[in-house]
Each structure stands twice: as structure tokens, then as C-alpha cells.
Amino acid sequence: MRAGLHTGECEVRGDDIGGIAVHIGARVRALAGPNEVLVSSTLRDLVIGSGLAFEERGTHRLKGVPDEWRLFAVAS
């Protein structure tokens, strides 16, 4: 299992969804290793205080997305 999570606005297109937030989530997922859940710093910042623990995974360029993104793995 690999997962990539981000949060942001999405566009509903019939039975599908799209938009930059969906694109970022897919790019984050592409960088996840086996049995890893990676999240963007945006998502991590929103859940601070939830009891979840995170490990820094560095800053990455995401294809088709401006700027660099700090990514974090959900710690077990």
C-alpha cells in the first residue's frame, strides 16, 4: 500500500474530481515508498495536535506543480 495525501479545493466534473489539489495528492503518492503514507506540509499543518506523528521526508519538486513541497511520512 502507498498513499499520498494533500488537502485543497477540488472540482467536480460529472462523476470525477480534478483540480490542483488532486494533482498534488497524486504526485505525493508517486513518491511514497511501500507501506508508506506521505502527506504534504499543508495537510500536516492542519492536523497538528491530533496525536498523529510525522517524520520529515525532505523538500521535493512535484511534476507539474510550482514551487518545492515539504513532505512528511505518517509515523507508525
PDB file of N, CA and C in Angstrom:
ATOM      1  N   MET A   1       0.828  -1.164   0.000  1.00  0.00           N
ATOM      2  CA  MET A   1       0.000   0.000   0.000  1.00  0.00           C
ATOM      3  C   MET A   1       0.880   1.237   0.000  1.00  0.00           C
ATOM      4  N   ARG A   2       0.519   2.207  -0.811  1.00  0.00           N
ATOM      5  CA  ARG A   2       1.167   3.521  -0.831  1.00  0.00           C
ATOM      6  C   ARG A   2       0.061   4.557  -0.883  1.00  0.00           C
ATOM      7  N   ALA A   3       0.240   5.643  -0.170  1.00  0.00           N
ATOM      8  CA  ALA A   3      -0.778   6.697  -0.212  1.00  0.00           C
ATOM      9  C   ALA A   3      -0.099   8.057  -0.167  1.00  0.00           C
ATOM     10  N   GLY A   4      -0.717   9.013  -0.835  1.00  0.00           N
ATOM     11  CA  GLY A   4      -0.281  10.397  -0.814  1.00  0.00           C
ATOM     12  C   GLY A   4      -1.473  11.281  -0.517  1.00  0.00           C
ATOM     13  N   LEU A   5      -1.337  12.163   0.453  1.00  0.00           N
ATOM     14  CA  LEU A   5      -2.465  12.988   0.880  1.00  0.00           C
ATOM     15  C   LEU A   5      -2.118  14.474   0.834  1.00  0.00           C
ATOM     16  N   HIS A   6      -3.079  15.242   0.390  1.00  0.00           N
ATOM     17  CA  HIS A   6      -2.996  16.697   0.364  1.00  0.00           C
ATOM     18  C   HIS A   6      -4.419  17.197   0.571  1.00  0.00           C
ATOM     19  N   THR A   7      -4.587  18.428   0.908  1.00  0.00           N
ATOM     20  CA  THR A   7      -5.924  18.998   1.052  1.00  0.00           C
ATOM     21  C   THR A   7      -6.003  20.310   0.295  1.00  0.00           C
ATOM     22  N   GLY A   8      -7.157  20.574  -0.258  1.00  0.00           N
ATOM     23  CA  GLY A   8      -7.368  21.805  -1.009  1.00  0.00           C
ATOM     24  C   GLY A   8      -8.662  21.715  -1.790  1.00  0.00           C
ATOM     25  N   GLU A   9      -8.915  22.731  -2.587  1.00  0.00           N
ATOM     26  CA  GLU A   9     -10.142  22.763  -3.377  1.00  0.00           C
ATOM     27  C   GLU A   9     -10.075  21.766  -4.528  1.00  0.00           C
ATOM     28  N   CYS A  10     -11.204  21.112  -4.770  1.00  0.00           N
ATOM     29  CA  CYS A  10     -11.341  20.163  -5.873  1.00  0.00           C
ATOM     30  C   CYS A  10     -12.480  20.622  -6.771  1.00  0.00           C
ATOM     31  N   GLU A  11     -12.441  20.172  -8.006  1.00  0.00           N
ATOM     32  CA  GLU A  11     -13.504  20.461  -8.958  1.00  0.00           C
ATOM     33  C   GLU A  11     -14.253  19.166  -9.246  1.00  0.00           C
ATOM     34  N   VAL A  12     -15.579  19.223  -9.189  1.00  0.00           N
ATOM     35  CA  VAL A  12     -16.395  18.066  -9.548  1.00  0.00           C
ATOM     36  C   VAL A  12     -16.677  18.158 -11.038  1.00  0.00           C
ATOM     37  N   ARG A  13     -16.348  17.072 -11.753  1.00  0.00           N
ATOM     38  CA  ARG A  13     -16.539  17.016 -13.205  1.00  0.00           C
ATOM     39  C   ARG A  13     -17.350  15.773 -13.528  1.00  0.00           C
ATOM     40  N   GLY A  14     -18.653  15.896 -13.449  1.00  0.00           N
ATOM     41  CA  GLY A  14     -19.510  14.728 -13.651  1.00  0.00           C
ATOM     42  C   GLY A  14     -19.319  13.756 -12.507  1.00  0.00           C
ATOM     43  N   ASP A  15     -18.875  12.537 -12.827  1.00  0.00           N
ATOM     44  CA  ASP A  15     -18.610  11.518 -11.814  1.00  0.00           C
ATOM     45  C   ASP A  15     -17.156  11.523 -11.359  1.00  0.00           C
ATOM     46  N   ASP A  16     -16.397  12.513 -11.763  1.00  0.00           N
ATOM     47  CA  ASP A  16     -14.969  12.560 -11.474  1.00  0.00           C
ATOM     48  C   ASP A  16     -14.651  13.829 -10.685  1.00  0.00           C
ATOM     49  N   ILE A  17     -13.447  13.865 -10.121  1.00  0.00           N
ATOM     50  CA  ILE A  17     -12.958  15.072  -9.461  1.00  0.00           C
ATOM     51  C   ILE A  17     -11.616  15.440 -10.066  1.00  0.00           C
ATOM     52  N   GLY A  18     -11.253  16.699  -9.970  1.00  0.00           N
ATOM     53  CA  GLY A  18      -9.982  17.154 -10.503  1.00  0.00           C
ATOM     54  C   GLY A  18      -9.549  18.409  -9.794  1.00  0.00           C
ATOM     55  N   GLY A  19      -8.538  19.038 -10.346  1.00  0.00           N
ATOM     56  CA  GLY A  19      -8.014  20.271  -9.775  1.00  0.00           C
ATOM     57  C   GLY A  19      -6.613  20.078  -9.235  1.00  0.00           C
ATOM     58  N   ILE A  20      -5.993  21.177  -8.879  1.00  0.00           N
ATOM     59  CA  ILE A  20      -4.603  21.149  -8.434  1.00  0.00           C
ATOM     60  C   ILE A  20      -4.410  20.319  -7.168  1.00  0.00           C
ATOM     61  N   ALA A  21      -5.371  20.334  -6.250  1.00  0.00           N
ATOM     62  CA  ALA A  21      -5.221  19.555  -5.013  1.00  0.00           C
ATOM     63  C   ALA A  21      -5.174  18.062  -5.309  1.00  0.00           C
ATOM     64  N   VAL A  22      -5.986  17.617  -6.253  1.00  0.00           N
ATOM     65  CA  VAL A  22      -5.978  16.202  -6.651  1.00  0.00           C
ATOM     66  C   VAL A  22      -4.645  15.871  -7.316  1.00  0.00           C
ATOM     67  N   HIS A  23      -4.171  16.772  -8.156  1.00  0.00           N
ATOM     68  CA  HIS A  23      -2.896  16.580  -8.848  1.00  0.00           C
ATOM     69  C   HIS A  23      -1.744  16.483  -7.836  1.00  0.00           C
ATOM     70  N   ILE A  24      -1.732  17.362  -6.850  1.00  0.00           N
ATOM     71  CA  ILE A  24      -0.680  17.332  -5.829  1.00  0.00           C
ATOM     72  C   ILE A  24      -0.735  16.023  -5.047  1.00  0.00           C
ATOM     73  N   GLY A  25      -1.925  15.593  -4.647  1.00  0.00           N
ATOM     74  CA  GLY A  25      -2.062  14.320  -3.936  1.00  0.00           C
ATOM     75  C   GLY A  25      -1.504  13.155  -4.730  1.00  0.00           C
ATOM     76  N   ALA A  26      -1.763  13.144  -6.035  1.00  0.00           N
ATOM     77  CA  ALA A  26      -1.249  12.071  -6.892  1.00  0.00           C
ATOM     78  C   ALA A  26       0.270  12.120  -6.984  1.00  0.00           C
ATOM     79  N   ARG A  27       0.831  13.313  -7.064  1.00  0.00           N
ATOM     80  CA  ARG A  27       2.298  13.451  -7.132  1.00  0.00           C
ATOM     81  C   ARG A  27       2.951  13.041  -5.808  1.00  0.00           C
ATOM     82  N   VAL A  28       2.325  13.382  -4.702  1.00  0.00           N
ATOM     83  CA  VAL A  28       2.841  12.974  -3.390  1.00  0.00           C
ATOM     84  C   VAL A  28       2.805  11.454  -3.283  1.00  0.00           C
ATOM     85  N   ARG A  29       1.711  10.839  -3.722  1.00  0.00           N
ATOM     86  CA  ARG A  29       1.584   9.380  -3.691  1.00  0.00           C
ATOM     87  C   ARG A  29       2.679   8.709  -4.523  1.00  0.00           C
ATOM     88  N   ALA A  30       3.023   9.297  -5.644  1.00  0.00           N
ATOM     89  CA  ALA A  30       4.050   8.719  -6.515  1.00  0.00           C
ATOM     90  C   ALA A  30       5.411   8.644  -5.820  1.00  0.00           C
ATOM     91  N   LEU A  31       5.633   9.479  -4.822  1.00  0.00           N
ATOM     92  CA  LEU A  31       6.901   9.481  -4.090  1.00  0.00           C
ATOM     93  C   LEU A  31       6.888   8.572  -2.863  1.00  0.00           C
ATOM     94  N   ALA A  32       5.725   8.074  -2.491  1.00  0.00           N
ATOM     95  CA  ALA A  32       5.617   7.212  -1.305  1.00  0.00           C
ATOM     96  C   ALA A  32       6.270   5.863  -1.564  1.00  0.00           C
ATOM     97  N   GLY A  33       6.932   5.350  -0.546  1.00  0.00           N
ATOM     98  CA  GLY A  33       7.518   4.025  -0.629  1.00  0.00           C
ATOM     99  C   GLY A  33       6.495   2.962  -0.251  1.00  0.00           C
ATOM    100  N   PRO A  34       6.882   1.689  -0.351  1.00  0.00           N
ATOM    101  CA  PRO A  34       5.974   0.608   0.044  1.00  0.00           C
ATOM    102  C   PRO A  34       5.528   0.778   1.501  1.00  0.00           C
ATOM    103  N   ASN A  35       4.260   0.580   1.752  1.00  0.00           N
ATOM    104  CA  ASN A  35       3.685   0.694   3.098  1.00  0.00           C
ATOM    105  C   ASN A  35       3.915   2.064   3.731  1.00  0.00           C
ATOM    106  N   GLU A  36       3.910   3.107   2.903  1.00  0.00           N
ATOM    107  CA  GLU A  36       4.157   4.455   3.405  1.00  0.00           C
ATOM    108  C   GLU A  36       2.992   5.374   3.041  1.00  0.00           C
ATOM    109  N   VAL A  37       2.640   6.230   3.979  1.00  0.00           N
ATOM    110  CA  VAL A  37       1.652   7.283   3.736  1.00  0.00           C
ATOM    111  C   VAL A  37       2.395   8.610   3.823  1.00  0.00           C
ATOM    112  N   LEU A  38       2.498   9.303   2.684  1.00  0.00           N
ATOM    113  CA  LEU A  38       3.137  10.613   2.647  1.00  0.00           C
ATOM    114  C   LEU A  38       2.071  11.692   2.622  1.00  0.00           C
ATOM    115  N   VAL A  39       2.348  12.802   3.281  1.00  0.00           N
ATOM    116  CA  VAL A  39       1.417  13.925   3.287  1.00  0.00           C
ATOM    117  C   VAL A  39       2.176  15.211   2.978  1.00  0.00           C
ATOM    118  N   SER A  40       1.463  16.162   2.428  1.00  0.00           N
ATOM    119  CA  SER A  40       2.039  17.484   2.191  1.00  0.00           C
ATOM    120  C   SER A  40       2.128  18.245   3.514  1.00  0.00           C
ATOM    121  N   SER A  41       2.962  19.270   3.518  1.00  0.00           N
ATOM    122  CA  SER A  41       3.057  20.093   4.731  1.00  0.00           C
ATOM    123  C   SER A  41       1.733  20.802   5.012  1.00  0.00           C
ATOM    124  N   THR A  42       0.960  21.081   3.977  1.00  0.00           N
ATOM    125  CA  THR A  42      -0.358  21.704   4.162  1.00  0.00           C
ATOM    126  C   THR A  42      -1.244  20.822   5.029  1.00  0.00           C
ATOM    127  N   LEU A  43      -1.298  19.545   4.691  1.00  0.00           N
ATOM    128  CA  LEU A  43      -2.137  18.616   5.454  1.00  0.00           C
ATOM    129  C   LEU A  43      -1.582  18.423   6.864  1.00  0.00           C
ATOM    130  N   ARG A  44      -0.270  18.238   6.964  1.00  0.00           N
ATOM    131  CA  ARG A  44       0.338  18.052   8.289  1.00  0.00           C
ATOM    132  C   ARG A  44       0.038  19.232   9.205  1.00  0.00           C
ATOM    133  N   ASP A  45       0.157  20.443   8.678  1.00  0.00           N
ATOM    134  CA  ASP A  45      -0.107  21.638   9.487  1.00  0.00           C
ATOM    135  C   ASP A  45      -1.552  21.687   9.984  1.00  0.00           C
ATOM    136  N   LEU A  46      -2.485  21.175   9.197  1.00  0.00           N
ATOM    137  CA  LEU A  46      -3.894  21.192   9.591  1.00  0.00           C
ATOM    138  C   LEU A  46      -4.228  20.193  10.691  1.00  0.00           C
ATOM    139  N   VAL A  47      -3.422  19.137  10.831  1.00  0.00           N
ATOM    140  CA  VAL A  47      -3.748  18.105  11.823  1.00  0.00           C
ATOM    141  C   VAL A  47      -2.816  18.123  13.035  1.00  0.00           C
ATOM    142  N   ILE A  48      -1.979  19.156  13.144  1.00  0.00           N
ATOM    143  CA  ILE A  48      -1.125  19.293  14.329  1.00  0.00           C
ATOM    144  C   ILE A  48      -2.032  19.292  15.560  1.00  0.00           C
ATOM    145  N   GLY A  49      -1.660  18.535  16.566  1.00  0.00           N
ATOM    146  CA  GLY A  49      -2.465  18.434  17.779  1.00  0.00           C
ATOM    147  C   GLY A  49      -3.437  17.273  17.752  1.00  0.00           C
ATOM    148  N   SER A  50      -3.462  16.525  16.637  1.00  0.00           N
ATOM    149  CA  SER A  50      -4.397  15.400  16.511  1.00  0.00           C
ATOM    150  C   SER A  50      -3.870  14.126  17.162  1.00  0.00           C
ATOM    151  N   GLY A  51      -2.590  14.120  17.519  1.00  0.00           N
ATOM    152  CA  GLY A  51      -1.989  12.909  18.064  1.00  0.00           C
ATOM    153  C   GLY A  51      -1.224  12.111  17.023  1.00  0.00           C
ATOM    154  N   LEU A  52      -1.357  12.469  15.741  1.00  0.00           N
ATOM    155  CA  LEU A  52      -0.585  11.792  14.701  1.00  0.00           C
ATOM    156  C   LEU A  52       0.864  12.256  14.770  1.00  0.00           C
ATOM    157  N   ALA A  53       1.777  11.353  14.469  1.00  0.00           N
ATOM    158  CA  ALA A  53       3.198  11.694  14.445  1.00  0.00           C
ATOM    159  C   ALA A  53       3.688  11.638  13.000  1.00  0.00           C
ATOM    160  N   PHE A  54       4.629  12.509  12.670  1.00  0.00           N
ATOM    161  CA  PHE A  54       5.145  12.595  11.307  1.00  0.00           C
ATOM    162  C   PHE A  54       6.663  12.588  11.317  1.00  0.00           C
ATOM    163  N   GLU A  55       7.236  12.051  10.251  1.00  0.00           N
ATOM    164  CA  GLU A  55       8.681  12.077  10.037  1.00  0.00           C
ATOM    165  C   GLU A  55       8.951  12.857   8.763  1.00  0.00           C
ATOM    166  N   GLU A  56       9.866  13.811   8.834  1.00  0.00           N
ATOM    167  CA  GLU A  56      10.191  14.638   7.667  1.00  0.00           C
ATOM    168  C   GLU A  56      10.800  13.781   6.562  1.00  0.00           C
ATOM    169  N   ARG A  57      10.378  14.036   5.334  1.00  0.00           N
ATOM    170  CA  ARG A  57      10.901  13.322   4.164  1.00  0.00           C
ATOM    171  C   ARG A  57      11.546  14.277   3.159  1.00  0.00           C
ATOM    172  N   GLY A  58      11.791  15.498   3.593  1.00  0.00           N
ATOM    173  CA  GLY A  58      12.525  16.433   2.749  1.00  0.00           C
ATOM    174  C   GLY A  58      11.645  17.279   1.849  1.00  0.00           C
ATOM    175  N   THR A  59      12.326  18.101   1.053  1.00  0.00           N
ATOM    176  CA  THR A  59      11.670  19.007   0.125  1.00  0.00           C
ATOM    177  C   THR A  59      11.775  18.423  -1.274  1.00  0.00           C
ATOM    178  N   HIS A  60      10.672  18.460  -2.006  1.00  0.00           N
ATOM    179  CA  HIS A  60      10.615  17.827  -3.323  1.00  0.00           C
ATOM    180  C   HIS A  60       9.976  18.754  -4.341  1.00  0.00           C
ATOM    181  N   ARG A  61      10.388  18.599  -5.593  1.00  0.00           N
ATOM    182  CA  ARG A  61       9.707  19.233  -6.721  1.00  0.00           C
ATOM    183  C   ARG A  61       8.685  18.223  -7.210  1.00  0.00           C
ATOM    184  N   LEU A  62       7.458  18.653  -7.379  1.00  0.00           N
ATOM    185  CA  LEU A  62       6.392  17.789  -7.865  1.00  0.00           C
ATOM    186  C   LEU A  62       6.112  18.151  -9.320  1.00  0.00           C
ATOM    187  N   LYS A  63       6.154  17.165 -10.193  1.00  0.00           N
ATOM    188  CA  LYS A  63       5.976  17.393 -11.624  1.00  0.00           C
ATOM    189  C   LYS A  63       4.661  18.133 -11.889  1.00  0.00           C
ATOM    190  N   GLY A  64       4.766  19.233 -12.629  1.00  0.00           N
ATOM    191  CA  GLY A  64       3.585  19.997 -12.998  1.00  0.00           C
ATOM    192  C   GLY A  64       3.036  20.901 -11.911  1.00  0.00           C
ATOM    193  N   VAL A  65       3.767  20.998 -10.786  1.00  0.00           N
ATOM    194  CA  VAL A  65       3.299  21.806  -9.650  1.00  0.00           C
ATOM    195  C   VAL A  65       4.382  22.841  -9.331  1.00  0.00           C
ATOM    196  N   PRO A  66       4.003  24.121  -9.208  1.00  0.00           N
ATOM    197  CA  PRO A  66       5.013  25.138  -8.898  1.00  0.00           C
ATOM    198  C   PRO A  66       5.620  24.971  -7.504  1.00  0.00           C
ATOM    199  N   ASP A  67       6.804  25.499  -7.349  1.00  0.00           N
ATOM    200  CA  ASP A  67       7.498  25.563  -6.058  1.00  0.00           C
ATOM    201  C   ASP A  67       7.990  24.191  -5.595  1.00  0.00           C
ATOM    202  N   GLU A  68       8.596  24.199  -4.424  1.00  0.00           N
ATOM    203  CA  GLU A  68       9.041  22.963  -3.774  1.00  0.00           C
ATOM    204  C   GLU A  68       8.085  22.659  -2.638  1.00  0.00           C
ATOM    205  N   TRP A  69       7.937  21.371  -2.327  1.00  0.00           N
ATOM    206  CA  TRP A  69       6.970  20.928  -1.320  1.00  0.00           C
ATOM    207  C   TRP A  69       7.665  20.097  -0.258  1.00  0.00           C
ATOM    208  N   ARG A  70       7.441  20.445   1.016  1.00  0.00           N
ATOM    209  CA  ARG A  70       7.932  19.626   2.131  1.00  0.00           C
ATOM    210  C   ARG A  70       6.958  18.480   2.325  1.00  0.00           C
ATOM    211  N   LEU A  71       7.507  17.275   2.399  1.00  0.00           N
ATOM    212  CA  LEU A  71       6.678  16.090   2.578  1.00  0.00           C
ATOM    213  C   LEU A  71       7.014  15.414   3.897  1.00  0.00           C
ATOM    214  N   PHE A  72       6.016  14.733   4.447  1.00  0.00           N
ATOM    215  CA  PHE A  72       6.147  14.041   5.722  1.00  0.00           C
ATOM    216  C   PHE A  72       5.512  12.668   5.612  1.00  0.00           C
ATOM    217  N   ALA A  73       6.112  11.692   6.282  1.00  0.00           N
ATOM    218  CA  ALA A  73       5.524  10.354   6.371  1.00  0.00           C
ATOM    219  C   ALA A  73       4.770  10.258   7.686  1.00  0.00           C
ATOM    220  N   VAL A  74       3.610   9.625   7.633  1.00  0.00           N
ATOM    221  CA  VAL A  74       2.876   9.349   8.866  1.00  0.00           C
ATOM    222  C   VAL A  74       3.654   8.269   9.600  1.00  0.00           C
ATOM    223  N   ALA A  75       4.035   8.530  10.844  1.00  0.00           N
ATOM    224  CA  ALA A  75       4.837   7.586  11.631  1.00  0.00           C
ATOM    225  C   ALA A  75       3.922   6.557  12.281  1.00  0.00           C
ATOM    226  N   SER A  76       4.431   5.326  12.353  1.00  0.00           N
ATOM    227  CA  SER A  76       3.613   4.267  12.978  1.00  0.00           C
ATOM    228  C   SER A  76       3.890   4.158  14.455  1.00  0.00           C
TER     229      SER A  76
END
